[in-house]
Amino acid sequence: MAFDLSCPGLIIGCIFASLARASNVSDVYPPLWKESPGQFSDYKIENGKYIINLWLYPERLGMYKILLNKTAKYFAKFSPENEQNILWGLPVHHGWQYQTGRLADPTQSTDCGQKPENHLCISVDSWWADLNYYLSAMPFLAAVDSGIMGISSDNVTFLPPPKDQMNFCYNVSGCHSSFPEAMRKWNEFYQHVKSHSSSFDDLLEYLWAAHVSSLKVARKNFHNRLKYYSKQEADFGRSWALFVDYLAPPLFPTTLIRTCEFQKELPTRMLMNEDRAPFISDFSGFQNTILFALSLLHNTSSKKLYPPLPNSGFEGGLFLQNFQILGLLVKNTEEIT
């Protein structure tokens, strides 16, 4: 079996090396998870509708929390305590965005997410926040539409941001109208979630199809937001979005522990122009390695030099096996040095 030493291979190798470490279960949840809303009645009600402000971190996080709670019974066959629910990847990644300051106003023209008294604010000018909107609103509203959430499709609506309102959707009908392909794929995912015959890999396949579909349209709609960031942060954002294309075909399992452990190897702060991986002094060896590989991936993407994506389940399995071995090699090298 040949080792894939390409940029995607190196990154996913680090993922698996990180998963080999011991996990502290009490430390896996996103920031403010316990304090966030956990049921619809925790939100405001107007004219018989639940009103959710997705531009406040606790309210967006609470939406994920409800989604995890409502889908827990469908994942109970895979493990106890809802740990194997593959929707965990969404709130865990969102928690990393909040914790590292990526939801704040990058233009600094407002204090949204900047000052202690406004740290829960999510800025509409944040590239990270806008992409995450598509990966929060659509999964949530598709779950409502599928009947999983226990309320009718017209019983929940989202508040609009202060500008660029046409770039977002706010209810089930609006999301279907504006983003029909992505919503269709999320609906397909939930239909398989409800099916007793669906395997874990089946669900991962439909989840990743929906995830990639949402991310594709989000990247197109918000690429102009990257101009507000340092070159290093903008390049990291582009390469991270590109790397998702490599996580999807091998069906990377976005469960609670796996996602949380990998999040620890991502940058712990916004990148500055002077940051040069793999020589960023306040980042770990793993973080530097991942950033360096992502940088190479971004630099070669326009030249089509990166390896082709695996296009079958068998190829995907070999893909992950190769990267797991590679990851252990990376981990052992770091421990020796």
C-alpha atoms as a PDB file:
ATOM      1  CA  MET A   1       0.000   0.000   0.000  1.00  0.00           C
ATOM      2  CA  ALA A   2       1.565   3.272  -1.083  1.00  0.00           C
ATOM      3  CA  PHE A   3       1.583   6.240   1.263  1.00  0.00           C
ATOM      4  CA  ASP A   4       0.009   9.461   0.020  1.00  0.00           C
ATOM      5  CA  LEU A   5       2.366  12.231   1.092  1.00  0.00           C
ATOM      6  CA  SER A   6       0.344  14.954  -0.611  1.00  0.00           C
ATOM      7  CA  CYS A   7      -1.011  18.035   1.145  1.00  0.00           C
ATOM      8  CA  PRO A   8      -4.437  16.493   1.837  1.00  0.00           C
ATOM      9  CA  GLY A   9      -2.708  13.341   3.007  1.00  0.00           C
ATOM     10  CA  LEU A  10      -0.538  15.216   5.463  1.00  0.00           C
ATOM     11  CA  ILE A  11      -3.510  17.125   6.872  1.00  0.00           C
ATOM     12  CA  ILE A  12      -5.739  14.100   7.355  1.00  0.00           C
ATOM     13  CA  GLY A  13      -2.748  12.233   8.730  1.00  0.00           C
ATOM     14  CA  CYS A  14      -2.550  14.855  11.451  1.00  0.00           C
ATOM     15  CA  ILE A  15      -6.265  14.395  12.078  1.00  0.00           C
ATOM     16  CA  PHE A  16      -5.812  10.722  12.830  1.00  0.00           C
ATOM     17  CA  ALA A  17      -2.737  11.343  14.929  1.00  0.00           C
ATOM     18  CA  SER A  18      -4.752  13.781  17.025  1.00  0.00           C
ATOM     19  CA  LEU A  19      -7.473  11.175  17.449  1.00  0.00           C
ATOM     20  CA  ALA A  20      -4.943   8.777  18.949  1.00  0.00           C
ATOM     21  CA  ARG A  21      -4.588  11.056  21.968  1.00  0.00           C
ATOM     22  CA  ALA A  22      -6.607  10.681  25.124  1.00  0.00           C
ATOM     23  CA  SER A  23      -9.809  12.710  25.231  1.00  0.00           C
ATOM     24  CA  ASN A  24     -11.227  14.649  28.163  1.00  0.00           C
ATOM     25  CA  VAL A  25     -14.975  14.213  27.701  1.00  0.00           C
ATOM     26  CA  SER A  26     -15.760  17.228  29.871  1.00  0.00           C
ATOM     27  CA  ASP A  27     -13.762  19.416  27.508  1.00  0.00           C
ATOM     28  CA  VAL A  28     -15.339  18.454  24.193  1.00  0.00           C
ATOM     29  CA  TYR A  29     -18.403  20.684  24.072  1.00  0.00           C
ATOM     30  CA  PRO A  30     -18.413  24.095  22.362  1.00  0.00           C
ATOM     31  CA  PRO A  31     -18.072  27.199  24.551  1.00  0.00           C
ATOM     32  CA  LEU A  32     -21.322  28.122  26.343  1.00  0.00           C
ATOM     33  CA  TRP A  33     -22.964  24.850  25.320  1.00  0.00           C
ATOM     34  CA  LYS A  34     -24.632  24.325  28.705  1.00  0.00           C
ATOM     35  CA  GLU A  35     -25.841  27.927  28.846  1.00  0.00           C
ATOM     36  CA  SER A  36     -27.314  27.982  25.340  1.00  0.00           C
ATOM     37  CA  PRO A  37     -31.028  27.312  24.647  1.00  0.00           C
ATOM     38  CA  GLY A  38     -31.930  23.633  24.493  1.00  0.00           C
ATOM     39  CA  GLN A  39     -35.579  23.703  23.484  1.00  0.00           C
ATOM     40  CA  PHE A  40     -37.866  25.857  21.359  1.00  0.00           C
ATOM     41  CA  SER A  41     -39.552  27.376  24.397  1.00  0.00           C
ATOM     42  CA  ASP A  42     -36.239  29.047  25.295  1.00  0.00           C
ATOM     43  CA  TYR A  43     -36.684  31.400  22.321  1.00  0.00           C
ATOM     44  CA  LYS A  44     -39.043  34.321  21.855  1.00  0.00           C
ATOM     45  CA  ILE A  45     -42.489  33.669  20.412  1.00  0.00           C
ATOM     46  CA  GLU A  46     -44.272  36.198  18.198  1.00  0.00           C
ATOM     47  CA  ASN A  47     -47.550  35.506  16.415  1.00  0.00           C
ATOM     48  CA  GLY A  48     -47.199  31.808  17.119  1.00  0.00           C
ATOM     49  CA  LYS A  49     -43.677  31.604  15.695  1.00  0.00           C
ATOM     50  CA  TYR A  50     -40.371  30.960  17.411  1.00  0.00           C
ATOM     51  CA  ILE A  51     -37.996  33.840  16.660  1.00  0.00           C
ATOM     52  CA  ILE A  52     -34.287  32.955  16.553  1.00  0.00           C
ATOM     53  CA  ASN A  53     -31.511  35.524  16.218  1.00  0.00           C
ATOM     54  CA  LEU A  54     -28.709  33.731  14.387  1.00  0.00           C
ATOM     55  CA  TRP A  55     -26.513  36.804  14.821  1.00  0.00           C
ATOM     56  CA  LEU A  56     -26.064  36.039  18.517  1.00  0.00           C
ATOM     57  CA  TYR A  57     -23.708  33.166  19.286  1.00  0.00           C
ATOM     58  CA  PRO A  58     -25.804  31.536  22.068  1.00  0.00           C
ATOM     59  CA  GLU A  59     -28.949  31.549  19.912  1.00  0.00           C
ATOM     60  CA  ARG A  60     -27.204  30.019  16.900  1.00  0.00           C
ATOM     61  CA  LEU A  61     -25.492  27.480  19.156  1.00  0.00           C
ATOM     62  CA  GLY A  62     -28.817  26.714  20.826  1.00  0.00           C
ATOM     63  CA  MET A  63     -30.309  25.904  17.448  1.00  0.00           C
ATOM     64  CA  TYR A  64     -27.614  23.266  16.999  1.00  0.00           C
ATOM     65  CA  LYS A  65     -28.329  22.001  20.513  1.00  0.00           C
ATOM     66  CA  ILE A  66     -32.001  21.473  19.698  1.00  0.00           C
ATOM     67  CA  LEU A  67     -31.040  19.730  16.469  1.00  0.00           C
ATOM     68  CA  LEU A  68     -28.701  17.361  18.340  1.00  0.00           C
ATOM     69  CA  ASN A  69     -31.354  16.659  20.974  1.00  0.00           C
ATOM     70  CA  LYS A  70     -34.104  15.986  18.454  1.00  0.00           C
ATOM     71  CA  THR A  71     -31.977  13.644  16.338  1.00  0.00           C
ATOM     72  CA  ALA A  72     -30.426  11.766  19.285  1.00  0.00           C
ATOM     73  CA  LYS A  73     -32.877   8.855  19.155  1.00  0.00           C
ATOM     74  CA  TYR A  74     -31.919   8.080  15.570  1.00  0.00           C
ATOM     75  CA  PHE A  75     -28.229   7.718  16.470  1.00  0.00           C
ATOM     76  CA  ALA A  76     -28.758   5.739  19.686  1.00  0.00           C
ATOM     77  CA  LYS A  77     -28.166   2.485  17.784  1.00  0.00           C
ATOM     78  CA  PHE A  78     -24.578   3.543  17.090  1.00  0.00           C
ATOM     79  CA  SER A  79     -23.530   4.554  20.622  1.00  0.00           C
ATOM     80  CA  PRO A  80     -24.883   5.829  23.952  1.00  0.00           C
ATOM     81  CA  GLU A  81     -24.960   9.481  25.010  1.00  0.00           C
ATOM     82  CA  ASN A  82     -25.445  10.717  21.408  1.00  0.00           C
ATOM     83  CA  GLU A  83     -21.652  10.779  20.902  1.00  0.00           C
ATOM     84  CA  GLN A  84     -21.885   9.179  17.451  1.00  0.00           C
ATOM     85  CA  ASN A  85     -24.366  11.744  16.157  1.00  0.00           C
ATOM     86  CA  ILE A  86     -22.602  12.996  13.035  1.00  0.00           C
ATOM     87  CA  LEU A  87     -24.238  16.418  13.313  1.00  0.00           C
ATOM     88  CA  TRP A  88     -21.806  17.222  16.147  1.00  0.00           C
ATOM     89  CA  GLY A  89     -19.288  18.498  13.619  1.00  0.00           C
ATOM     90  CA  LEU A  90     -21.401  21.591  12.961  1.00  0.00           C
ATOM     91  CA  PRO A  91     -21.623  23.076  16.489  1.00  0.00           C
ATOM     92  CA  VAL A  92     -18.113  21.987  17.466  1.00  0.00           C
ATOM     93  CA  HIS A  93     -16.621  23.809  14.485  1.00  0.00           C
ATOM     94  CA  HIS A  94     -18.840  26.822  15.192  1.00  0.00           C
ATOM     95  CA  GLY A  95     -17.547  26.851  18.760  1.00  0.00           C
ATOM     96  CA  TRP A  96     -13.972  26.983  17.444  1.00  0.00           C
ATOM     97  CA  GLN A  97     -14.941  29.951  15.253  1.00  0.00           C
ATOM     98  CA  TYR A  98     -16.298  31.793  18.279  1.00  0.00           C
ATOM     99  CA  GLN A  99     -13.409  30.899  20.572  1.00  0.00           C
ATOM    100  CA  THR A 100     -10.778  32.082  18.084  1.00  0.00           C
ATOM    101  CA  GLY A 101     -12.473  35.405  17.296  1.00  0.00           C
ATOM    102  CA  ARG A 102     -13.519  34.487  13.768  1.00  0.00           C
ATOM    103  CA  LEU A 103     -17.162  35.531  14.257  1.00  0.00           C
ATOM    104  CA  ALA A 104     -16.249  39.135  15.107  1.00  0.00           C
ATOM    105  CA  ASP A 105     -16.405  42.068  12.694  1.00  0.00           C
ATOM    106  CA  PRO A 106     -13.204  41.832  10.596  1.00  0.00           C
ATOM    107  CA  THR A 107     -13.662  45.390   9.315  1.00  0.00           C
ATOM    108  CA  GLN A 108     -13.579  46.712  12.913  1.00  0.00           C
ATOM    109  CA  SER A 109     -16.129  49.315  11.868  1.00  0.00           C
ATOM    110  CA  THR A 110     -18.423  48.035  14.637  1.00  0.00           C
ATOM    111  CA  ASP A 111     -17.768  46.499  18.029  1.00  0.00           C
ATOM    112  CA  CYS A 112     -19.617  43.282  17.079  1.00  0.00           C
ATOM    113  CA  GLY A 113     -17.700  40.457  18.710  1.00  0.00           C
ATOM    114  CA  GLN A 114     -14.868  42.822  19.585  1.00  0.00           C
ATOM    115  CA  LYS A 115     -15.494  44.209  23.072  1.00  0.00           C
ATOM    116  CA  PRO A 116     -16.219  42.147  26.197  1.00  0.00           C
ATOM    117  CA  GLU A 117     -19.744  43.548  26.462  1.00  0.00           C
ATOM    118  CA  ASN A 118     -20.488  42.560  22.856  1.00  0.00           C
ATOM    119  CA  HIS A 119     -18.505  39.341  22.540  1.00  0.00           C
ATOM    120  CA  LEU A 120     -21.593  37.225  21.754  1.00  0.00           C
ATOM    121  CA  CYS A 121     -22.397  39.245  18.622  1.00  0.00           C
ATOM    122  CA  ILE A 122     -21.875  37.519  15.245  1.00  0.00           C
ATOM    123  CA  SER A 123     -20.903  39.894  12.449  1.00  0.00           C
ATOM    124  CA  VAL A 124     -22.523  39.709   9.024  1.00  0.00           C
ATOM    125  CA  ASP A 125     -19.160  40.845   7.616  1.00  0.00           C
ATOM    126  CA  SER A 126     -17.416  37.731   8.957  1.00  0.00           C
ATOM    127  CA  TRP A 127     -16.643  35.255   6.168  1.00  0.00           C
ATOM    128  CA  TRP A 128     -16.592  32.432   8.696  1.00  0.00           C
ATOM    129  CA  ALA A 129     -19.944  33.433  10.182  1.00  0.00           C
ATOM    130  CA  ASP A 130     -21.640  33.749   6.806  1.00  0.00           C
ATOM    131  CA  LEU A 131     -20.488  30.329   5.630  1.00  0.00           C
ATOM    132  CA  ASN A 132     -21.603  28.901   8.935  1.00  0.00           C
ATOM    133  CA  TYR A 133     -25.035  30.509   8.503  1.00  0.00           C
ATOM    134  CA  TYR A 134     -25.624  28.251   5.501  1.00  0.00           C
ATOM    135  CA  LEU A 135     -24.449  25.301   7.602  1.00  0.00           C
ATOM    136  CA  SER A 136     -26.787  26.150  10.459  1.00  0.00           C
ATOM    137  CA  ALA A 137     -29.940  27.600   8.916  1.00  0.00           C
ATOM    138  CA  MET A 138     -30.296  24.990   6.177  1.00  0.00           C
ATOM    139  CA  PRO A 139     -29.647  21.876   8.296  1.00  0.00           C
ATOM    140  CA  PHE A 140     -31.996  23.174  10.989  1.00  0.00           C
ATOM    141  CA  LEU A 141     -34.855  24.218   8.698  1.00  0.00           C
ATOM    142  CA  ALA A 142     -34.568  21.026   6.631  1.00  0.00           C
ATOM    143  CA  ALA A 143     -34.929  19.070   9.889  1.00  0.00           C
ATOM    144  CA  VAL A 144     -38.051  21.092  10.684  1.00  0.00           C
ATOM    145  CA  ASP A 145     -39.350  20.429   7.177  1.00  0.00           C
ATOM    146  CA  SER A 146     -38.702  16.686   7.526  1.00  0.00           C
ATOM    147  CA  GLY A 147     -40.809  16.448  10.691  1.00  0.00           C
ATOM    148  CA  ILE A 148     -37.918  15.564  12.986  1.00  0.00           C
ATOM    149  CA  MET A 149     -38.198  18.699  15.128  1.00  0.00           C
ATOM    150  CA  GLY A 150     -41.831  18.268  16.154  1.00  0.00           C
ATOM    151  CA  ILE A 151     -43.099  21.646  14.915  1.00  0.00           C
ATOM    152  CA  SER A 152     -44.690  22.717  11.642  1.00  0.00           C
ATOM    153  CA  SER A 153     -42.612  24.328   8.903  1.00  0.00           C
ATOM    154  CA  ASP A 154     -44.150  27.781   9.417  1.00  0.00           C
ATOM    155  CA  ASN A 155     -43.591  27.886  13.190  1.00  0.00           C
ATOM    156  CA  VAL A 156     -40.008  29.170  13.185  1.00  0.00           C
ATOM    157  CA  THR A 157     -38.250  32.116  11.573  1.00  0.00           C
ATOM    158  CA  PHE A 158     -34.846  33.787  11.801  1.00  0.00           C
ATOM    159  CA  LEU A 159     -34.091  37.462  12.259  1.00  0.00           C
ATOM    160  CA  PRO A 160     -32.259  39.120   9.349  1.00  0.00           C
ATOM    161  CA  PRO A 161     -28.802  40.686   9.664  1.00  0.00           C
ATOM    162  CA  PRO A 162     -28.369  44.482   9.548  1.00  0.00           C
ATOM    163  CA  LYS A 163     -27.363  44.362   5.856  1.00  0.00           C
ATOM    164  CA  ASP A 164     -27.103  42.065   2.820  1.00  0.00           C
ATOM    165  CA  GLN A 165     -30.417  40.478   3.740  1.00  0.00           C
ATOM    166  CA  MET A 166     -30.900  39.021   0.252  1.00  0.00           C
ATOM    167  CA  ASN A 167     -27.926  36.690   0.757  1.00  0.00           C
ATOM    168  CA  PHE A 168     -29.710  34.726   3.471  1.00  0.00           C
ATOM    169  CA  CYS A 169     -32.906  32.767   4.027  1.00  0.00           C
ATOM    170  CA  TYR A 170     -35.059  32.938   7.148  1.00  0.00           C
ATOM    171  CA  ASN A 171     -37.687  30.197   7.027  1.00  0.00           C
ATOM    172  CA  VAL A 172     -38.351  26.832   5.402  1.00  0.00           C
ATOM    173  CA  SER A 173     -40.104  28.161   2.297  1.00  0.00           C
ATOM    174  CA  GLY A 174     -37.526  30.908   1.795  1.00  0.00           C
ATOM    175  CA  CYS A 175     -34.591  28.497   1.979  1.00  0.00           C
ATOM    176  CA  HIS A 176     -36.259  26.108  -0.471  1.00  0.00           C
ATOM    177  CA  SER A 177     -36.818  29.007  -2.851  1.00  0.00           C
ATOM    178  CA  SER A 178     -33.327  30.505  -2.580  1.00  0.00           C
ATOM    179  CA  PHE A 179     -31.233  27.337  -2.207  1.00  0.00           C
ATOM    180  CA  PRO A 180     -33.274  24.441  -3.628  1.00  0.00           C
ATOM    181  CA  GLU A 181     -30.379  22.059  -4.320  1.00  0.00           C
ATOM    182  CA  ALA A 182     -28.796  22.359  -0.876  1.00  0.00           C
ATOM    183  CA  MET A 183     -32.156  22.070   0.890  1.00  0.00           C
ATOM    184  CA  ARG A 184     -33.025  19.009  -1.189  1.00  0.00           C
ATOM    185  CA  LYS A 185     -29.823  17.309  -0.101  1.00  0.00           C
ATOM    186  CA  TRP A 186     -30.435  18.122   3.568  1.00  0.00           C
ATOM    187  CA  ASN A 187     -33.965  16.733   3.264  1.00  0.00           C
ATOM    188  CA  GLU A 188     -32.531  13.559   1.729  1.00  0.00           C
ATOM    189  CA  PHE A 189     -30.138  13.254   4.649  1.00  0.00           C
ATOM    190  CA  TYR A 190     -32.936  13.466   7.212  1.00  0.00           C
ATOM    191  CA  GLN A 191     -35.062  10.938   5.334  1.00  0.00           C
ATOM    192  CA  HIS A 192     -32.196   8.476   5.689  1.00  0.00           C
ATOM    193  CA  VAL A 193     -31.707   9.473   9.337  1.00  0.00           C
ATOM    194  CA  LYS A 194     -35.297   8.390   9.984  1.00  0.00           C
ATOM    195  CA  SER A 195     -34.831   5.105   8.121  1.00  0.00           C
ATOM    196  CA  HIS A 196     -34.077   2.096  10.344  1.00  0.00           C
ATOM    197  CA  SER A 197     -32.113   0.458   7.528  1.00  0.00           C
ATOM    198  CA  SER A 198     -29.550   3.258   7.126  1.00  0.00           C
ATOM    199  CA  SER A 199     -26.005   2.362   8.111  1.00  0.00           C
ATOM    200  CA  PHE A 200     -23.535   4.764   9.691  1.00  0.00           C
ATOM    201  CA  ASP A 201     -21.663   5.130   6.401  1.00  0.00           C
ATOM    202  CA  ASP A 202     -24.941   5.722   4.557  1.00  0.00           C
ATOM    203  CA  LEU A 203     -25.686   8.657   6.822  1.00  0.00           C
ATOM    204  CA  LEU A 204     -22.175  10.052   6.459  1.00  0.00           C
ATOM    205  CA  GLU A 205     -22.512   9.927   2.681  1.00  0.00           C
ATOM    206  CA  TYR A 206     -25.747  11.931   2.681  1.00  0.00           C
ATOM    207  CA  LEU A 207     -24.489  14.330   5.355  1.00  0.00           C
ATOM    208  CA  TRP A 208     -21.357  15.181   3.398  1.00  0.00           C
ATOM    209  CA  ALA A 209     -23.337  15.598   0.172  1.00  0.00           C
ATOM    210  CA  ALA A 210     -25.553  18.166   1.907  1.00  0.00           C
ATOM    211  CA  HIS A 211     -22.610  19.840   3.632  1.00  0.00           C
ATOM    212  CA  VAL A 212     -20.642  20.270   0.408  1.00  0.00           C
ATOM    213  CA  SER A 213     -23.732  21.560  -1.422  1.00  0.00           C
ATOM    214  CA  SER A 214     -24.340  24.259   1.205  1.00  0.00           C
ATOM    215  CA  LEU A 215     -20.690  25.215   1.348  1.00  0.00           C
ATOM    216  CA  LYS A 216     -20.449  25.496  -2.430  1.00  0.00           C
ATOM    217  CA  VAL A 217     -23.119  28.188  -2.678  1.00  0.00           C
ATOM    218  CA  ALA A 218     -21.845  29.938   0.463  1.00  0.00           C
ATOM    219  CA  ARG A 219     -18.311  30.214  -0.906  1.00  0.00           C
ATOM    220  CA  LYS A 220     -19.691  31.731  -4.096  1.00  0.00           C
ATOM    221  CA  ASN A 221     -21.868  34.263  -2.275  1.00  0.00           C
ATOM    222  CA  PHE A 222     -19.337  35.448   0.298  1.00  0.00           C
ATOM    223  CA  HIS A 223     -15.909  35.279  -1.350  1.00  0.00           C
ATOM    224  CA  ASN A 224     -15.777  39.087  -1.219  1.00  0.00           C
ATOM    225  CA  ARG A 225     -15.705  38.991   2.595  1.00  0.00           C
ATOM    226  CA  LEU A 226     -12.154  37.639   2.541  1.00  0.00           C
ATOM    227  CA  LYS A 227     -10.818  41.078   1.597  1.00  0.00           C
ATOM    228  CA  TYR A 228     -11.378  42.171   5.199  1.00  0.00           C
ATOM    229  CA  TYR A 229      -8.739  39.759   6.529  1.00  0.00           C
ATOM    230  CA  SER A 230      -4.974  39.533   6.550  1.00  0.00           C
ATOM    231  CA  LYS A 231      -3.552  37.640   3.581  1.00  0.00           C
ATOM    232  CA  GLN A 232      -2.629  34.719   5.816  1.00  0.00           C
ATOM    233  CA  GLU A 233      -6.135  34.433   7.292  1.00  0.00           C
ATOM    234  CA  ALA A 234      -7.820  34.819   3.894  1.00  0.00           C
ATOM    235  CA  ASP A 235      -5.597  32.129   2.380  1.00  0.00           C
ATOM    236  CA  PHE A 236      -6.307  29.876   5.359  1.00  0.00           C
ATOM    237  CA  GLY A 237     -10.049  30.352   4.849  1.00  0.00           C
ATOM    238  CA  ARG A 238      -9.836  29.530   1.141  1.00  0.00           C
ATOM    239  CA  SER A 239      -7.677  26.463   1.686  1.00  0.00           C
ATOM    240  CA  TRP A 240      -9.831  25.222   4.562  1.00  0.00           C
ATOM    241  CA  ALA A 241     -12.964  25.439   2.408  1.00  0.00           C
ATOM    242  CA  LEU A 242     -11.110  23.604  -0.363  1.00  0.00           C
ATOM    243  CA  PHE A 243      -9.926  20.923   2.049  1.00  0.00           C
ATOM    244  CA  VAL A 244     -13.521  20.048   2.916  1.00  0.00           C
ATOM    245  CA  ASP A 245     -13.687  18.557  -0.585  1.00  0.00           C
ATOM    246  CA  TYR A 246     -11.112  16.005   0.601  1.00  0.00           C
ATOM    247  CA  LEU A 247     -12.888  15.203   3.855  1.00  0.00           C
ATOM    248  CA  ALA A 248     -16.152  14.394   2.064  1.00  0.00           C
ATOM    249  CA  PRO A 249     -15.310  11.463  -0.276  1.00  0.00           C
ATOM    250  CA  PRO A 250     -13.687   9.273   2.421  1.00  0.00           C
ATOM    251  CA  LEU A 251     -16.653  10.048   4.709  1.00  0.00           C
ATOM    252  CA  PHE A 252     -14.734  11.528   7.610  1.00  0.00           C
ATOM    253  CA  PRO A 253     -16.879  10.788  10.710  1.00  0.00           C
ATOM    254  CA  THR A 254     -17.955  14.103  12.243  1.00  0.00           C
ATOM    255  CA  THR A 255     -18.788  12.662  15.653  1.00  0.00           C
ATOM    256  CA  LEU A 256     -18.302  14.560  18.905  1.00  0.00           C
ATOM    257  CA  ILE A 257     -14.922  13.203  20.030  1.00  0.00           C
ATOM    258  CA  ARG A 258     -13.358  12.997  16.584  1.00  0.00           C
ATOM    259  CA  THR A 259     -14.356  16.513  15.601  1.00  0.00           C
ATOM    260  CA  CYS A 260     -13.330  17.966  18.949  1.00  0.00           C
ATOM    261  CA  GLU A 261      -9.893  16.348  18.893  1.00  0.00           C
ATOM    262  CA  PHE A 262      -9.211  17.634  15.408  1.00  0.00           C
ATOM    263  CA  GLN A 263     -10.387  21.137  16.318  1.00  0.00           C
ATOM    264  CA  LYS A 264      -7.562  21.282  18.847  1.00  0.00           C
ATOM    265  CA  GLU A 265      -5.083  21.180  15.978  1.00  0.00           C
ATOM    266  CA  LEU A 266      -6.538  24.205  14.185  1.00  0.00           C
ATOM    267  CA  PRO A 267      -5.241  27.770  14.759  1.00  0.00           C
ATOM    268  CA  THR A 268      -6.151  29.129  18.181  1.00  0.00           C
ATOM    269  CA  ARG A 269      -6.350  32.734  16.949  1.00  0.00           C
ATOM    270  CA  MET A 270      -6.760  34.787  13.794  1.00  0.00           C
ATOM    271  CA  LEU A 271      -3.736  34.682  11.507  1.00  0.00           C
ATOM    272  CA  MET A 272      -1.669  37.817  10.956  1.00  0.00           C
ATOM    273  CA  ASN A 273       0.381  38.846   7.941  1.00  0.00           C
ATOM    274  CA  GLU A 274       3.625  38.017   9.723  1.00  0.00           C
ATOM    275  CA  ASP A 275       2.591  34.421  10.508  1.00  0.00           C
ATOM    276  CA  ARG A 276       4.569  31.892   8.478  1.00  0.00           C
ATOM    277  CA  ALA A 277       3.823  28.213   8.994  1.00  0.00           C
ATOM    278  CA  PRO A 278       5.509  25.983  10.015  1.00  0.00           C
ATOM    279  CA  PHE A 279       7.367  28.606  12.082  1.00  0.00           C
ATOM    280  CA  ILE A 280       4.575  30.182  14.168  1.00  0.00           C
ATOM    281  CA  SER A 281       6.001  30.185  17.677  1.00  0.00           C
ATOM    282  CA  ASP A 282       2.752  30.150  19.648  1.00  0.00           C
ATOM    283  CA  PHE A 283       1.278  27.243  17.634  1.00  0.00           C
ATOM    284  CA  SER A 284       1.970  23.570  18.290  1.00  0.00           C
ATOM    285  CA  GLY A 285       3.851  21.358  15.862  1.00  0.00           C
ATOM    286  CA  PHE A 286       0.572  19.829  14.739  1.00  0.00           C
ATOM    287  CA  GLN A 287      -1.014  23.237  14.148  1.00  0.00           C
ATOM    288  CA  ASN A 288       2.003  24.392  12.161  1.00  0.00           C
ATOM    289  CA  THR A 289       2.012  21.194  10.111  1.00  0.00           C
ATOM    290  CA  ILE A 290      -1.672  21.504   9.237  1.00  0.00           C
ATOM    291  CA  LEU A 291      -1.342  25.186   8.328  1.00  0.00           C
ATOM    292  CA  PHE A 292       1.719  24.502   6.195  1.00  0.00           C
ATOM    293  CA  ALA A 293      -0.031  21.672   4.333  1.00  0.00           C
ATOM    294  CA  LEU A 294      -3.143  23.802   3.837  1.00  0.00           C
ATOM    295  CA  SER A 295      -0.961  26.582   2.445  1.00  0.00           C
ATOM    296  CA  LEU A 296       0.598  24.177  -0.055  1.00  0.00           C
ATOM    297  CA  LEU A 297      -2.839  22.921  -1.007  1.00  0.00           C
ATOM    298  CA  HIS A 298      -4.041  26.471  -1.633  1.00  0.00           C
ATOM    299  CA  ASN A 299      -0.954  27.388  -3.673  1.00  0.00           C
ATOM    300  CA  THR A 300      -1.227  24.342  -5.937  1.00  0.00           C
ATOM    301  CA  SER A 301      -5.008  24.312  -6.353  1.00  0.00           C
ATOM    302  CA  SER A 302      -5.090  26.853  -9.165  1.00  0.00           C
ATOM    303  CA  LYS A 303      -2.506  24.801 -11.066  1.00  0.00           C
ATOM    304  CA  LYS A 304      -4.512  21.578 -10.649  1.00  0.00           C
ATOM    305  CA  LEU A 305      -1.485  19.863  -9.116  1.00  0.00           C
ATOM    306  CA  TYR A 306      -3.261  18.392  -6.101  1.00  0.00           C
ATOM    307  CA  PRO A 307      -4.291  14.711  -6.224  1.00  0.00           C
ATOM    308  CA  PRO A 308      -7.714  13.620  -7.515  1.00  0.00           C
ATOM    309  CA  LEU A 309     -10.474  13.019  -5.014  1.00  0.00           C
ATOM    310  CA  PRO A 310     -11.339   9.385  -4.217  1.00  0.00           C
ATOM    311  CA  ASN A 311     -14.597   8.624  -6.004  1.00  0.00           C
ATOM    312  CA  SER A 312     -15.731   5.344  -4.505  1.00  0.00           C
ATOM    313  CA  GLY A 313     -16.293   3.814  -1.102  1.00  0.00           C
ATOM    314  CA  PHE A 314     -13.386   1.423  -1.597  1.00  0.00           C
ATOM    315  CA  GLU A 315     -11.029   4.213  -2.607  1.00  0.00           C
ATOM    316  CA  GLY A 316     -12.261   6.284   0.313  1.00  0.00           C
ATOM    317  CA  GLY A 317     -11.473   3.456   2.713  1.00  0.00           C
ATOM    318  CA  LEU A 318      -7.921   3.173   1.406  1.00  0.00           C
ATOM    319  CA  PHE A 319      -7.686   6.969   1.547  1.00  0.00           C
ATOM    320  CA  LEU A 320      -8.429   6.998   5.277  1.00  0.00           C
ATOM    321  CA  GLN A 321      -6.214   3.973   6.002  1.00  0.00           C
ATOM    322  CA  ASN A 322      -3.229   5.609   4.311  1.00  0.00           C
ATOM    323  CA  PHE A 323      -3.801   8.852   6.225  1.00  0.00           C
ATOM    324  CA  GLN A 324      -4.185   7.104   9.564  1.00  0.00           C
ATOM    325  CA  ILE A 325      -0.762   5.493   9.142  1.00  0.00           C
ATOM    326  CA  LEU A 326       0.687   8.797   7.943  1.00  0.00           C
ATOM    327  CA  GLY A 327      -0.780  10.564  10.954  1.00  0.00           C
ATOM    328  CA  LEU A 328       0.875   8.180  13.366  1.00  0.00           C
ATOM    329  CA  LEU A 329       4.196   8.807  11.631  1.00  0.00           C
ATOM    330  CA  VAL A 330       3.698  12.568  12.066  1.00  0.00           C
ATOM    331  CA  LYS A 331       2.789  12.082  15.728  1.00  0.00           C
ATOM    332  CA  ASN A 332       5.823   9.902  16.447  1.00  0.00           C
ATOM    333  CA  THR A 333       8.130  12.382  14.714  1.00  0.00           C
ATOM    334  CA  GLU A 334       6.764  15.239  16.840  1.00  0.00           C
ATOM    335  CA  GLU A 335       7.232  13.247  20.052  1.00  0.00           C
ATOM    336  CA  ILE A 336      10.836  12.405  19.155  1.00  0.00           C
ATOM    337  CA  THR A 337      11.724  16.000  18.370  1.00  0.00           C
END
